[in-house]
Amino acid sequence: MKVARVVIGSSGLLKQLMRYGLVGVANTIVGFGAILILQMLFGLDPYSANAVGYAIGLATSFVLNRIWTFQVSDRPVGRLLRFVLAFAISYTANLGTLTLLLDSVGAVAAQAVAAIVYSTVFFVCCRAYVFARPHGQPV
């Protein structure tokens, strides 16, 4: 266990994981807040409010992860396209996990495991692909 701690600490992976988690919390607060504001103050229907709220949350996640978690400062256009692709892959993994587990473990447990799968896949995609340094080296 000591070896794993040294490797994680020396690579900055633990710091990135903690920042990624905090960005996830911020992203959730911003996205859900936007959904509530759009519905309650502006009378938007729940589906439209949900779509706009998720788009705002995803944009918040991209900006905060780019600047703070992975500390990348180059032009964001290509990275944004990779971020959207990473989101699509991660969300697909989430839905696949949910579908596989729903009948066997129940809705709550399936959602929890699916959320963990989504977060893990998205972090790996962001670290190794979206925000990787040139030549594919993780940040």
Protein backbone atom coordinates (compact mmCIF):
# COMPACT_ATOMS: atom_id res chain seq x y z
CA MET A 1 0.00 0.00 0.00
CA LYS A 2 2.91 2.33 0.76
CA VAL A 3 4.23 1.88 -2.80
CA ALA A 4 0.83 2.82 -4.27
CA ARG A 5 0.68 5.92 -2.07
CA VAL A 6 4.14 7.04 -3.22
CA VAL A 7 3.28 6.50 -6.89
CA ILE A 8 -0.04 8.34 -6.59
CA GLY A 9 1.46 11.21 -4.59
CA SER A 10 4.51 11.63 -6.78
CA SER A 11 2.54 11.64 -10.02
CA GLY A 12 0.05 14.25 -8.86
CA LEU A 13 -2.76 11.79 -9.54
CA LEU A 14 -4.26 12.11 -6.07
CA LYS A 15 -4.32 15.90 -6.40
CA GLN A 16 -6.03 15.60 -9.78
CA LEU A 17 -8.58 13.14 -8.41
CA MET A 18 -9.43 15.47 -5.55
CA ARG A 19 -9.77 18.45 -7.87
CA TYR A 20 -11.82 16.38 -10.31
CA GLY A 21 -14.18 15.46 -7.48
CA LEU A 22 -14.54 19.09 -6.39
CA VAL A 23 -15.19 20.14 -9.98
CA GLY A 24 -17.88 17.45 -10.13
CA VAL A 25 -19.55 18.91 -7.05
CA ALA A 26 -19.36 22.44 -8.49
CA ASN A 27 -20.63 21.24 -11.86
CA THR A 28 -23.58 19.51 -10.17
CA ILE A 29 -24.48 22.60 -8.12
CA VAL A 30 -24.26 24.91 -11.14
CA GLY A 31 -26.18 22.57 -13.46
CA PHE A 32 -28.90 21.72 -10.96
CA GLY A 33 -29.14 25.38 -9.91
CA ALA A 34 -29.61 26.38 -13.54
CA ILE A 35 -32.34 23.76 -13.95
CA LEU A 36 -34.23 25.04 -10.90
CA ILE A 37 -33.86 28.71 -11.89
CA LEU A 38 -35.01 28.04 -15.45
CA GLN A 39 -38.06 26.13 -14.23
CA MET A 40 -39.07 28.21 -11.20
CA LEU A 41 -38.18 31.73 -12.30
CA PHE A 42 -38.53 31.52 -16.06
CA GLY A 43 -41.25 28.87 -16.35
CA LEU A 44 -39.28 26.64 -18.69
CA ASP A 45 -40.62 23.11 -19.01
CA PRO A 46 -38.66 20.41 -17.12
CA TYR A 47 -37.16 18.79 -20.25
CA SER A 48 -35.88 22.04 -21.73
CA ALA A 49 -34.62 23.22 -18.35
CA ASN A 50 -32.84 19.88 -17.88
CA ALA A 51 -31.14 20.07 -21.29
CA VAL A 52 -29.98 23.66 -20.75
CA GLY A 53 -28.89 22.92 -17.17
CA TYR A 54 -26.82 19.94 -18.27
CA ALA A 55 -25.23 22.00 -21.06
CA ILE A 56 -24.29 24.70 -18.53
CA GLY A 57 -22.95 22.06 -16.15
CA LEU A 58 -20.91 20.43 -18.90
CA ALA A 59 -19.45 23.80 -19.91
CA THR A 60 -18.60 24.53 -16.28
CA SER A 61 -16.94 21.14 -15.99
CA PHE A 62 -14.85 21.72 -19.12
CA VAL A 63 -13.61 25.13 -18.02
CA LEU A 64 -12.81 24.14 -14.43
CA ASN A 65 -11.17 20.84 -15.39
CA ARG A 66 -9.14 22.51 -18.12
CA ILE A 67 -7.89 25.38 -15.96
CA TRP A 68 -7.75 23.88 -12.47
CA THR A 69 -7.75 20.05 -12.48
CA PHE A 70 -5.45 19.41 -15.44
CA GLN A 71 -3.96 22.92 -15.75
CA VAL A 72 -3.94 23.15 -19.54
CA SER A 73 -3.68 26.59 -21.08
CA ASP A 74 -3.53 26.02 -24.84
CA ARG A 75 -6.34 26.73 -27.29
CA PRO A 76 -9.48 24.97 -26.08
CA VAL A 77 -11.29 24.23 -29.37
CA GLY A 78 -9.79 20.80 -30.07
CA ARG A 79 -9.93 19.90 -26.40
CA LEU A 80 -13.61 20.87 -26.23
CA LEU A 81 -14.44 18.46 -29.05
CA ARG A 82 -12.49 15.69 -27.29
CA PHE A 83 -14.27 16.59 -24.03
CA VAL A 84 -17.68 16.14 -25.66
CA LEU A 85 -16.54 12.80 -27.11
CA ALA A 86 -15.25 11.72 -23.67
CA PHE A 87 -18.61 12.72 -22.17
CA ALA A 88 -20.46 10.65 -24.79
CA ILE A 89 -18.25 7.62 -24.12
CA SER A 90 -18.65 7.99 -20.36
CA TYR A 91 -22.40 8.47 -20.56
CA THR A 92 -22.68 5.40 -22.79
CA ALA A 93 -20.72 3.41 -20.17
CA ASN A 94 -23.11 4.80 -17.54
CA LEU A 95 -26.20 3.71 -19.46
CA GLY A 96 -24.70 0.30 -20.23
CA THR A 97 -23.91 -0.28 -16.57
CA LEU A 98 -27.37 0.86 -15.54
CA THR A 99 -28.99 -1.46 -18.07
CA LEU A 100 -26.87 -4.44 -17.01
CA LEU A 101 -27.49 -3.98 -13.29
CA LEU A 102 -31.02 -2.61 -13.08
CA ASP A 103 -32.89 -5.89 -12.81
CA SER A 104 -30.34 -7.69 -10.65
CA VAL A 105 -29.48 -5.12 -7.94
CA GLY A 106 -32.34 -2.60 -8.09
CA ALA A 107 -32.58 0.98 -9.24
CA VAL A 108 -30.68 2.76 -6.45
CA ALA A 109 -27.68 0.42 -6.43
CA ALA A 110 -27.60 0.35 -10.24
CA GLN A 111 -27.62 4.15 -10.40
CA ALA A 112 -24.83 4.35 -7.80
CA VAL A 113 -22.59 1.89 -9.64
CA ALA A 114 -23.39 3.55 -12.98
CA ALA A 115 -22.40 6.94 -11.54
CA ILE A 116 -19.08 5.52 -10.33
CA VAL A 117 -18.44 3.97 -13.75
CA TYR A 118 -19.29 7.28 -15.46
CA SER A 119 -17.01 9.31 -13.20
CA THR A 120 -14.12 6.86 -13.52
CA VAL A 121 -14.34 6.54 -17.30
CA PHE A 122 -14.67 10.32 -17.68
CA PHE A 123 -11.63 10.98 -15.46
CA VAL A 124 -9.50 8.47 -17.36
CA CYS A 125 -10.62 9.90 -20.72
CA CYS A 126 -9.93 13.46 -19.57
CA ARG A 127 -6.51 12.63 -18.14
CA ALA A 128 -5.28 10.39 -20.95
CA TYR A 129 -7.01 11.95 -23.97
CA VAL A 130 -8.79 15.27 -23.53
CA PHE A 131 -6.18 17.12 -21.49
CA ALA A 132 -3.11 14.96 -22.28
CA ARG A 133 0.08 16.74 -23.18
CA PRO A 134 1.41 16.41 -26.74
CA HIS A 135 2.47 12.86 -27.64
CA GLY A 136 -0.39 11.47 -25.50
CA GLN A 137 1.34 11.78 -22.12
CA PRO A 138 -1.15 12.16 -19.25
CA VAL A 139 -1.07 15.46 -17.41
